[in-house]
C-alpha atoms as a PDB file:
ATOM      1  CA  UNK A   1       0.000   0.000   0.000  1.00  0.00           C
ATOM      2  CA  UNK A   2       1.167   3.505  -0.711  1.00  0.00           C
ATOM      3  CA  UNK A   3       1.390   6.133   2.056  1.00  0.00           C
ATOM      4  CA  UNK A   4      -1.400   8.179   0.424  1.00  0.00           C
ATOM      5  CA  UNK A   5      -3.784   5.222   0.467  1.00  0.00           C
ATOM      6  CA  UNK A   6      -6.721   6.264   2.718  1.00  0.00           C
ATOM      7  CA  UNK A   7      -7.101   2.815   4.261  1.00  0.00           C
ATOM      8  CA  UNK A   8      -3.396   2.671   5.099  1.00  0.00           C
ATOM      9  CA  UNK A   9      -3.543   6.156   6.657  1.00  0.00           C
ATOM     10  CA  UNK A  10      -6.607   5.366   8.795  1.00  0.00           C
ATOM     11  CA  UNK A  11      -5.318   1.922   9.754  1.00  0.00           C
ATOM     12  CA  UNK A  12      -2.178   3.631  11.104  1.00  0.00           C
ATOM     13  CA  UNK A  13      -4.255   6.162  13.054  1.00  0.00           C
ATOM     14  CA  UNK A  14      -6.573   3.539  14.561  1.00  0.00           C
ATOM     15  CA  UNK A  15      -3.637   1.206  15.211  1.00  0.00           C
ATOM     16  CA  UNK A  16      -2.862   3.434  18.202  1.00  0.00           C
ATOM     17  CA  UNK A  17      -6.300   2.714  19.745  1.00  0.00           C
ATOM     18  CA  UNK A  18      -7.115  -0.306  21.838  1.00  0.00           C
ATOM     19  CA  UNK A  19     -10.774   0.364  22.615  1.00  0.00           C
ATOM     20  CA  UNK A  20     -13.494   2.650  21.291  1.00  0.00           C
ATOM     21  CA  UNK A  21     -13.778   6.181  22.675  1.00  0.00           C
ATOM     22  CA  UNK A  22     -16.982   7.528  24.188  1.00  0.00           C
ATOM     23  CA  UNK A  23     -20.211   7.554  22.135  1.00  0.00           C
ATOM     24  CA  UNK A  24     -21.152  10.874  20.556  1.00  0.00           C
ATOM     25  CA  UNK A  25     -23.675  12.797  22.722  1.00  0.00           C
ATOM     26  CA  UNK A  26     -24.853  14.637  19.593  1.00  0.00           C
ATOM     27  CA  UNK A  27     -26.553  11.353  18.754  1.00  0.00           C
ATOM     28  CA  UNK A  28     -27.024   9.604  22.098  1.00  0.00           C
ATOM     29  CA  UNK A  29     -28.849  12.530  23.723  1.00  0.00           C
ATOM     30  CA  UNK A  30     -30.915  13.614  20.719  1.00  0.00           C
ATOM     31  CA  UNK A  31     -34.665  13.941  20.993  1.00  0.00           C
ATOM     32  CA  UNK A  32     -34.812  12.764  17.352  1.00  0.00           C
ATOM     33  CA  UNK A  33     -33.226   9.377  18.016  1.00  0.00           C
ATOM     34  CA  UNK A  34     -35.572   6.716  16.659  1.00  0.00           C
ATOM     35  CA  UNK A  35     -36.968   3.945  18.839  1.00  0.00           C
ATOM     36  CA  UNK A  36     -35.197   0.574  18.908  1.00  0.00           C
ATOM     37  CA  UNK A  37     -35.109  -1.840  17.157  1.00  0.00           C
ATOM     38  CA  UNK A  38     -34.704   0.645  14.280  1.00  0.00           C
ATOM     39  CA  UNK A  39     -31.967  -0.201  11.792  1.00  0.00           C
ATOM     40  CA  UNK A  40     -29.099   2.277  12.126  1.00  0.00           C
ATOM     41  CA  UNK A  41     -25.821   2.884  10.309  1.00  0.00           C
ATOM     42  CA  UNK A  42     -22.778   4.824  11.456  1.00  0.00           C
ATOM     43  CA  UNK A  43     -20.817   5.994   8.404  1.00  0.00           C
ATOM     44  CA  UNK A  44     -17.085   6.566   8.997  1.00  0.00           C
ATOM     45  CA  UNK A  45     -17.742   5.506  12.573  1.00  0.00           C
ATOM     46  CA  UNK A  46     -14.160   4.681  13.481  1.00  0.00           C
ATOM     47  CA  UNK A  47     -13.789   2.157  16.288  1.00  0.00           C
ATOM     48  CA  UNK A  48     -17.539   2.091  16.781  1.00  0.00           C
ATOM     49  CA  UNK A  49     -18.155   3.945  20.049  1.00  0.00           C
ATOM     50  CA  UNK A  50     -21.531   5.309  18.928  1.00  0.00           C
ATOM     51  CA  UNK A  51     -22.461   2.165  16.997  1.00  0.00           C
ATOM     52  CA  UNK A  52     -21.760   0.052  20.073  1.00  0.00           C
ATOM     53  CA  UNK A  53     -23.854   2.389  22.221  1.00  0.00           C
ATOM     54  CA  UNK A  54     -26.725   2.042  19.754  1.00  0.00           C
ATOM     55  CA  UNK A  55     -26.376  -1.754  19.739  1.00  0.00           C
ATOM     56  CA  UNK A  56     -26.398  -1.803  23.557  1.00  0.00           C
ATOM     57  CA  UNK A  57     -29.630   0.186  23.442  1.00  0.00           C
ATOM     58  CA  UNK A  58     -31.485  -2.229  21.176  1.00  0.00           C
ATOM     59  CA  UNK A  59     -30.760  -0.886  17.693  1.00  0.00           C
ATOM     60  CA  UNK A  60     -29.848  -3.136  14.749  1.00  0.00           C
ATOM     61  CA  UNK A  61     -26.552  -1.430  13.871  1.00  0.00           C
ATOM     62  CA  UNK A  62     -24.121  -1.414  10.970  1.00  0.00           C
ATOM     63  CA  UNK A  63     -20.731   0.286  11.180  1.00  0.00           C
ATOM     64  CA  UNK A  64     -19.232   1.404   7.848  1.00  0.00           C
ATOM     65  CA  UNK A  65     -15.536   2.252   7.952  1.00  0.00           C
ATOM     66  CA  UNK A  66     -12.512   2.315   5.621  1.00  0.00           C
ATOM     67  CA  UNK A  67     -10.106   1.170   8.337  1.00  0.00           C
ATOM     68  CA  UNK A  68      -9.975  -2.574   8.810  1.00  0.00           C
ATOM     69  CA  UNK A  69      -8.074  -1.945  12.068  1.00  0.00           C
ATOM     70  CA  UNK A  70     -10.948   0.196  13.408  1.00  0.00           C
ATOM     71  CA  UNK A  71     -13.496  -2.440  12.399  1.00  0.00           C
ATOM     72  CA  UNK A  72     -11.521  -5.160  14.196  1.00  0.00           C
ATOM     73  CA  UNK A  73     -11.449  -3.046  17.378  1.00  0.00           C
ATOM     74  CA  UNK A  74     -15.230  -2.522  17.145  1.00  0.00           C
ATOM     75  CA  UNK A  75     -15.851  -6.211  16.467  1.00  0.00           C
ATOM     76  CA  UNK A  76     -13.731  -7.295  19.457  1.00  0.00           C
ATOM     77  CA  UNK A  77     -15.544  -4.839  21.711  1.00  0.00           C
ATOM     78  CA  UNK A  78     -18.945  -6.029  20.470  1.00  0.00           C
ATOM     79  CA  UNK A  79     -18.000  -9.621  21.303  1.00  0.00           C
ATOM     80  CA  UNK A  80     -16.653  -8.575  24.715  1.00  0.00           C
ATOM     81  CA  UNK A  81     -19.925  -6.793  25.515  1.00  0.00           C
ATOM     82  CA  UNK A  82     -22.147  -9.497  24.003  1.00  0.00           C
ATOM     83  CA  UNK A  83     -23.551  -7.114  21.373  1.00  0.00           C
ATOM     84  CA  UNK A  84     -24.609  -7.690  17.801  1.00  0.00           C
ATOM     85  CA  UNK A  85     -22.808  -5.331  15.400  1.00  0.00           C
ATOM     86  CA  UNK A  86     -22.580  -5.638  11.640  1.00  0.00           C
ATOM     87  CA  UNK A  87     -19.405  -4.179  10.157  1.00  0.00           C
ATOM     88  CA  UNK A  88     -18.892  -3.130   6.549  1.00  0.00           C
ATOM     89  CA  UNK A  89     -15.415  -2.430   5.204  1.00  0.00           C
ATOM     90  CA  UNK A  90     -16.011   0.298   2.620  1.00  0.00           C
ATOM     91  CA  UNK A  91     -14.359   3.431   1.257  1.00  0.00           C
ATOM     92  CA  UNK A  92     -17.076   6.099   1.314  1.00  0.00           C
ATOM     93  CA  UNK A  93     -15.012   8.237  -1.062  1.00  0.00           C
ATOM     94  CA  UNK A  94     -15.094   5.547  -3.753  1.00  0.00           C
ATOM     95  CA  UNK A  95     -17.648   5.383  -6.529  1.00  0.00           C
ATOM     96  CA  UNK A  96     -18.863   2.013  -5.228  1.00  0.00           C
ATOM     97  CA  UNK A  97     -22.249   2.313  -3.576  1.00  0.00           C
ATOM     98  CA  UNK A  98     -23.637   0.246  -0.738  1.00  0.00           C
ATOM     99  CA  UNK A  99     -26.617  -1.932  -1.595  1.00  0.00           C
ATOM    100  CA  UNK A 100     -28.898  -1.222   1.330  1.00  0.00           C
ATOM    101  CA  UNK A 101     -30.611   1.500   3.331  1.00  0.00           C
ATOM    102  CA  UNK A 102     -31.403   2.089   6.989  1.00  0.00           C
ATOM    103  CA  UNK A 103     -34.054   3.778   9.175  1.00  0.00           C
ATOM    104  CA  UNK A 104     -31.449   6.038  10.757  1.00  0.00           C
ATOM    105  CA  UNK A 105     -27.961   7.117   9.671  1.00  0.00           C
ATOM    106  CA  UNK A 106     -25.165   9.138  11.183  1.00  0.00           C
ATOM    107  CA  UNK A 107     -22.102  10.652   9.605  1.00  0.00           C
ATOM    108  CA  UNK A 108     -19.927  12.616  12.011  1.00  0.00           C
ATOM    109  CA  UNK A 109     -16.564  14.256  11.398  1.00  0.00           C
ATOM    110  CA  UNK A 110     -16.362  13.048   7.804  1.00  0.00           C
ATOM    111  CA  UNK A 111     -16.846  15.284   4.777  1.00  0.00           C
ATOM    112  CA  UNK A 112     -17.049  14.063   1.216  1.00  0.00           C
ATOM    113  CA  UNK A 113     -19.439  16.150  -0.837  1.00  0.00           C
ATOM    114  CA  UNK A 114     -20.153  13.454  -3.464  1.00  0.00           C
ATOM    115  CA  UNK A 115     -20.926  10.974  -0.668  1.00  0.00           C
ATOM    116  CA  UNK A 116     -23.234  13.471   1.051  1.00  0.00           C
ATOM    117  CA  UNK A 117     -25.242  13.742  -2.172  1.00  0.00           C
ATOM    118  CA  UNK A 118     -25.800   9.952  -1.979  1.00  0.00           C
ATOM    119  CA  UNK A 119     -26.992   9.855   1.634  1.00  0.00           C
ATOM    120  CA  UNK A 120     -30.613   9.988   0.485  1.00  0.00           C
ATOM    121  CA  UNK A 121     -30.055   6.557  -1.075  1.00  0.00           C
ATOM    122  CA  UNK A 122     -29.000   5.114   2.288  1.00  0.00           C
ATOM    123  CA  UNK A 123     -31.818   6.458   4.455  1.00  0.00           C
ATOM    124  CA  UNK A 124     -35.333   5.060   4.143  1.00  0.00           C
ATOM    125  CA  UNK A 125     -38.234   7.478   3.461  1.00  0.00           C
ATOM    126  CA  UNK A 126     -39.086   9.303   6.707  1.00  0.00           C
ATOM    127  CA  UNK A 127     -35.784   8.070   8.181  1.00  0.00           C
ATOM    128  CA  UNK A 128     -33.516  10.320  10.224  1.00  0.00           C
ATOM    129  CA  UNK A 129     -29.992  11.473   9.388  1.00  0.00           C
ATOM    130  CA  UNK A 130     -27.472  12.992  11.832  1.00  0.00           C
ATOM    131  CA  UNK A 131     -24.542  14.936  10.347  1.00  0.00           C
ATOM    132  CA  UNK A 132     -21.891  16.980  12.082  1.00  0.00           C
ATOM    133  CA  UNK A 133     -18.789  18.434  10.468  1.00  0.00           C
ATOM    134  CA  UNK A 134     -16.349  21.222  11.248  1.00  0.00           C
ATOM    135  CA  UNK A 135     -16.898  24.560   9.519  1.00  0.00           C
ATOM    136  CA  UNK A 136     -14.471  27.061   7.998  1.00  0.00           C
ATOM    137  CA  UNK A 137     -14.829  29.144  11.188  1.00  0.00           C
ATOM    138  CA  UNK A 138     -12.844  26.415  12.944  1.00  0.00           C
ATOM    139  CA  UNK A 139      -9.725  27.758  11.177  1.00  0.00           C
ATOM    140  CA  UNK A 140      -9.904  30.838  13.439  1.00  0.00           C
ATOM    141  CA  UNK A 141      -8.556  28.652  16.269  1.00  0.00           C
ATOM    142  CA  UNK A 142      -7.112  25.542  14.613  1.00  0.00           C
ATOM    143  CA  UNK A 143      -5.159  24.762  11.447  1.00  0.00           C
ATOM    144  CA  UNK A 144      -6.671  21.253  11.234  1.00  0.00           C
ATOM    145  CA  UNK A 145      -8.761  19.947   9.699  1.00  0.00           C
ATOM    146  CA  UNK A 146      -7.664  21.742   6.545  1.00  0.00           C
ATOM    147  CA  UNK A 147     -10.084  23.794   4.452  1.00  0.00           C
ATOM    148  CA  UNK A 148     -10.694  20.788   2.192  1.00  0.00           C
ATOM    149  CA  UNK A 149     -12.483  18.991   5.049  1.00  0.00           C
ATOM    150  CA  UNK A 150     -14.574  21.944   6.246  1.00  0.00           C
ATOM    151  CA  UNK A 151     -17.976  23.192   5.166  1.00  0.00           C
ATOM    152  CA  UNK A 152     -18.573  26.866   4.549  1.00  0.00           C
ATOM    153  CA  UNK A 153     -20.901  28.575   6.983  1.00  0.00           C
ATOM    154  CA  UNK A 154     -24.471  27.736   5.992  1.00  0.00           C
ATOM    155  CA  UNK A 155     -23.392  25.152   3.389  1.00  0.00           C
ATOM    156  CA  UNK A 156     -24.410  21.894   5.080  1.00  0.00           C
ATOM    157  CA  UNK A 157     -28.175  21.938   4.342  1.00  0.00           C
ATOM    158  CA  UNK A 158     -27.448  22.401   0.631  1.00  0.00           C
ATOM    159  CA  UNK A 159     -25.214  19.312   0.650  1.00  0.00           C
ATOM    160  CA  UNK A 160     -28.086  17.074   1.774  1.00  0.00           C
ATOM    161  CA  UNK A 161     -30.732  17.095  -0.976  1.00  0.00           C
ATOM    162  CA  UNK A 162     -33.955  15.273  -0.201  1.00  0.00           C
ATOM    163  CA  UNK A 163     -33.808  15.909   3.547  1.00  0.00           C
ATOM    164  CA  UNK A 164     -35.975  18.220   5.652  1.00  0.00           C
ATOM    165  CA  UNK A 165     -34.142  19.837   8.585  1.00  0.00           C
ATOM    166  CA  UNK A 166     -35.370  18.955  12.068  1.00  0.00           C
ATOM    167  CA  UNK A 167     -32.522  20.762  13.805  1.00  0.00           C
ATOM    168  CA  UNK A 168     -29.614  22.829  12.501  1.00  0.00           C
ATOM    169  CA  UNK A 169     -26.974  24.754  14.405  1.00  0.00           C
ATOM    170  CA  UNK A 170     -23.493  26.109  13.781  1.00  0.00           C
ATOM    171  CA  UNK A 171     -21.501  26.917  16.909  1.00  0.00           C
ATOM    172  CA  UNK A 172     -18.445  26.117  19.010  1.00  0.00           C
ATOM    173  CA  UNK A 173     -18.632  22.701  20.680  1.00  0.00           C
ATOM    174  CA  UNK A 174     -15.681  21.734  22.890  1.00  0.00           C
ATOM    175  CA  UNK A 175     -13.429  24.273  21.125  1.00  0.00           C
ATOM    176  CA  UNK A 176     -14.391  23.067  17.636  1.00  0.00           C
ATOM    177  CA  UNK A 177     -16.712  25.016  15.334  1.00  0.00           C
ATOM    178  CA  UNK A 178     -19.223  22.616  13.797  1.00  0.00           C
ATOM    179  CA  UNK A 179     -22.322  22.505  11.667  1.00  0.00           C
ATOM    180  CA  UNK A 180     -24.755  20.021  13.203  1.00  0.00           C
ATOM    181  CA  UNK A 181     -27.846  18.939  11.340  1.00  0.00           C
ATOM    182  CA  UNK A 182     -30.521  16.403  12.111  1.00  0.00           C
ATOM    183  CA  UNK A 183     -32.925  15.879   9.252  1.00  0.00           C
ATOM    184  CA  UNK A 184     -35.653  13.593   7.973  1.00  0.00           C
ATOM    185  CA  UNK A 185     -35.629  12.081   4.523  1.00  0.00           C
ATOM    186  CA  UNK A 186     -38.635  13.274   2.632  1.00  0.00           C
ATOM    187  CA  UNK A 187     -41.142  10.625   1.636  1.00  0.00           C
ATOM    188  CA  UNK A 188     -41.094   9.767  -2.046  1.00  0.00           C
END
């Protein structure tokens, strides 16, 4: 593998982790969280902290991640906790599409505009989508992530065609400026 290979890069990053971090309160405390046993997917979910939390709370969960190392950490933790977790090794930046959809999806701290335009295909009609991503305002305090991985202020809703906003905010959260949107896929 070459050093610029995304899987190689993320495998190296997650190789330093032994267990998943804490689940994301943006999702776990949301009033828009569906009722279990809804089918949920965590796109670019890393070592699966939020996916594992969802599984522990009765959801039928899939974790989609480019890093095989991260997926192995999530799988080991699911076994340790006695949880059912489906993992899917997939590069979300590729042109290959997944062949299923879910009742609820989350995509946090990952920005790929072409992928965002496909999210409607992965969320069932009337399903809920959670997205959070750093904004360009974040550069006022931090030089990473670089501009390439940031949305412009007010841009996020336009990147999610076919979704109706339930909640949208741009603000500083734990010293990181983020756009956070929870939306419902419009019925066909």
